[in-house]
């Protein structure tokens, strides 16, 4: 059986993923952009952060961990 250890930090500002011997492999803002019309995820991380405060009424960009 193959077991891989991984560390995940779902912070209010930043999400981090850590792998032994590789260090931090993901360091992204904890932000998501969602379509209100069909509840579809449109962007996450840096792309969604750029959308904060700049979306039309049909899209919401938010920090889900706050």
C-alpha atoms as a PDB file:
ATOM      1  CA  UNK A   1       0.000   0.000   0.000  1.00  0.00           C
ATOM      2  CA  UNK A   2       1.249   3.481  -0.908  1.00  0.00           C
ATOM      3  CA  UNK A   3       0.796   6.193   1.721  1.00  0.00           C
ATOM      4  CA  UNK A   4       1.731   9.791   1.008  1.00  0.00           C
ATOM      5  CA  UNK A   5       1.885  12.361   3.770  1.00  0.00           C
ATOM      6  CA  UNK A   6       0.613  15.816   2.921  1.00  0.00           C
ATOM      7  CA  UNK A   7       0.003  18.953   4.956  1.00  0.00           C
ATOM      8  CA  UNK A   8      -2.905  21.278   4.131  1.00  0.00           C
ATOM      9  CA  UNK A   9      -3.499  24.673   5.758  1.00  0.00           C
ATOM     10  CA  UNK A  10      -6.873  26.174   4.836  1.00  0.00           C
ATOM     11  CA  UNK A  11      -6.199  29.633   6.202  1.00  0.00           C
ATOM     12  CA  UNK A  12      -8.574  32.572   6.054  1.00  0.00           C
ATOM     13  CA  UNK A  13      -6.210  34.491   3.758  1.00  0.00           C
ATOM     14  CA  UNK A  14      -4.035  31.800   2.141  1.00  0.00           C
ATOM     15  CA  UNK A  15      -4.284  28.079   1.384  1.00  0.00           C
ATOM     16  CA  UNK A  16      -1.024  26.125   1.608  1.00  0.00           C
ATOM     17  CA  UNK A  17      -0.185  22.552   0.608  1.00  0.00           C
ATOM     18  CA  UNK A  18       3.068  21.034   1.900  1.00  0.00           C
ATOM     19  CA  UNK A  19       4.799  17.860   0.717  1.00  0.00           C
ATOM     20  CA  UNK A  20       7.764  16.299   2.528  1.00  0.00           C
ATOM     21  CA  UNK A  21      11.054  16.810   0.651  1.00  0.00           C
ATOM     22  CA  UNK A  22       9.342  19.316  -1.675  1.00  0.00           C
ATOM     23  CA  UNK A  23       8.125  21.950   0.767  1.00  0.00           C
ATOM     24  CA  UNK A  24       5.174  24.205  -0.016  1.00  0.00           C
ATOM     25  CA  UNK A  25       3.796  23.222  -3.429  1.00  0.00           C
ATOM     26  CA  UNK A  26       0.625  25.345  -3.363  1.00  0.00           C
ATOM     27  CA  UNK A  27       0.409  28.880  -1.964  1.00  0.00           C
ATOM     28  CA  UNK A  28      -2.790  30.544  -3.150  1.00  0.00           C
ATOM     29  CA  UNK A  29      -5.242  33.096  -1.767  1.00  0.00           C
ATOM     30  CA  UNK A  30      -8.278  31.453  -0.152  1.00  0.00           C
ATOM     31  CA  UNK A  31     -10.794  32.985  -2.561  1.00  0.00           C
ATOM     32  CA  UNK A  32     -13.450  31.490  -4.844  1.00  0.00           C
ATOM     33  CA  UNK A  33     -15.619  33.014  -7.597  1.00  0.00           C
ATOM     34  CA  UNK A  34     -19.021  31.408  -8.148  1.00  0.00           C
ATOM     35  CA  UNK A  35     -21.744  31.898 -10.758  1.00  0.00           C
ATOM     36  CA  UNK A  36     -25.001  32.691  -8.968  1.00  0.00           C
ATOM     37  CA  UNK A  37     -27.011  31.487 -11.980  1.00  0.00           C
ATOM     38  CA  UNK A  38     -25.842  27.858 -11.952  1.00  0.00           C
ATOM     39  CA  UNK A  39     -23.691  27.614  -8.783  1.00  0.00           C
ATOM     40  CA  UNK A  40     -20.619  26.821 -10.922  1.00  0.00           C
ATOM     41  CA  UNK A  41     -17.099  27.590  -9.665  1.00  0.00           C
ATOM     42  CA  UNK A  42     -15.522  30.011 -12.131  1.00  0.00           C
ATOM     43  CA  UNK A  43     -12.155  30.699 -10.492  1.00  0.00           C
ATOM     44  CA  UNK A  44     -10.132  29.932  -7.371  1.00  0.00           C
ATOM     45  CA  UNK A  45      -6.995  31.349  -5.786  1.00  0.00           C
ATOM     46  CA  UNK A  46      -5.207  34.244  -7.492  1.00  0.00           C
ATOM     47  CA  UNK A  47      -7.663  34.402 -10.403  1.00  0.00           C
ATOM     48  CA  UNK A  48     -10.623  34.692  -8.033  1.00  0.00           C
ATOM     49  CA  UNK A  49      -8.805  37.261  -5.866  1.00  0.00           C
ATOM     50  CA  UNK A  50      -8.472  39.536  -8.909  1.00  0.00           C
ATOM     51  CA  UNK A  51     -12.272  39.395  -9.210  1.00  0.00           C
ATOM     52  CA  UNK A  52     -12.991  40.600  -5.636  1.00  0.00           C
ATOM     53  CA  UNK A  53     -15.169  43.720  -5.864  1.00  0.00           C
ATOM     54  CA  UNK A  54     -15.123  43.635  -9.691  1.00  0.00           C
ATOM     55  CA  UNK A  55     -17.820  41.131 -10.639  1.00  0.00           C
ATOM     56  CA  UNK A  56     -21.215  41.569 -12.294  1.00  0.00           C
ATOM     57  CA  UNK A  57     -24.358  40.755 -10.309  1.00  0.00           C
ATOM     58  CA  UNK A  58     -24.361  37.172 -11.621  1.00  0.00           C
ATOM     59  CA  UNK A  59     -20.949  36.334 -10.109  1.00  0.00           C
ATOM     60  CA  UNK A  60     -19.820  36.465  -6.488  1.00  0.00           C
ATOM     61  CA  UNK A  61     -16.171  36.393  -5.428  1.00  0.00           C
ATOM     62  CA  UNK A  62     -15.618  35.684  -1.746  1.00  0.00           C
ATOM     63  CA  UNK A  63     -13.283  34.428   0.947  1.00  0.00           C
ATOM     64  CA  UNK A  64     -15.126  31.289   2.155  1.00  0.00           C
ATOM     65  CA  UNK A  65     -13.061  30.771   5.318  1.00  0.00           C
ATOM     66  CA  UNK A  66     -13.853  34.134   6.946  1.00  0.00           C
END
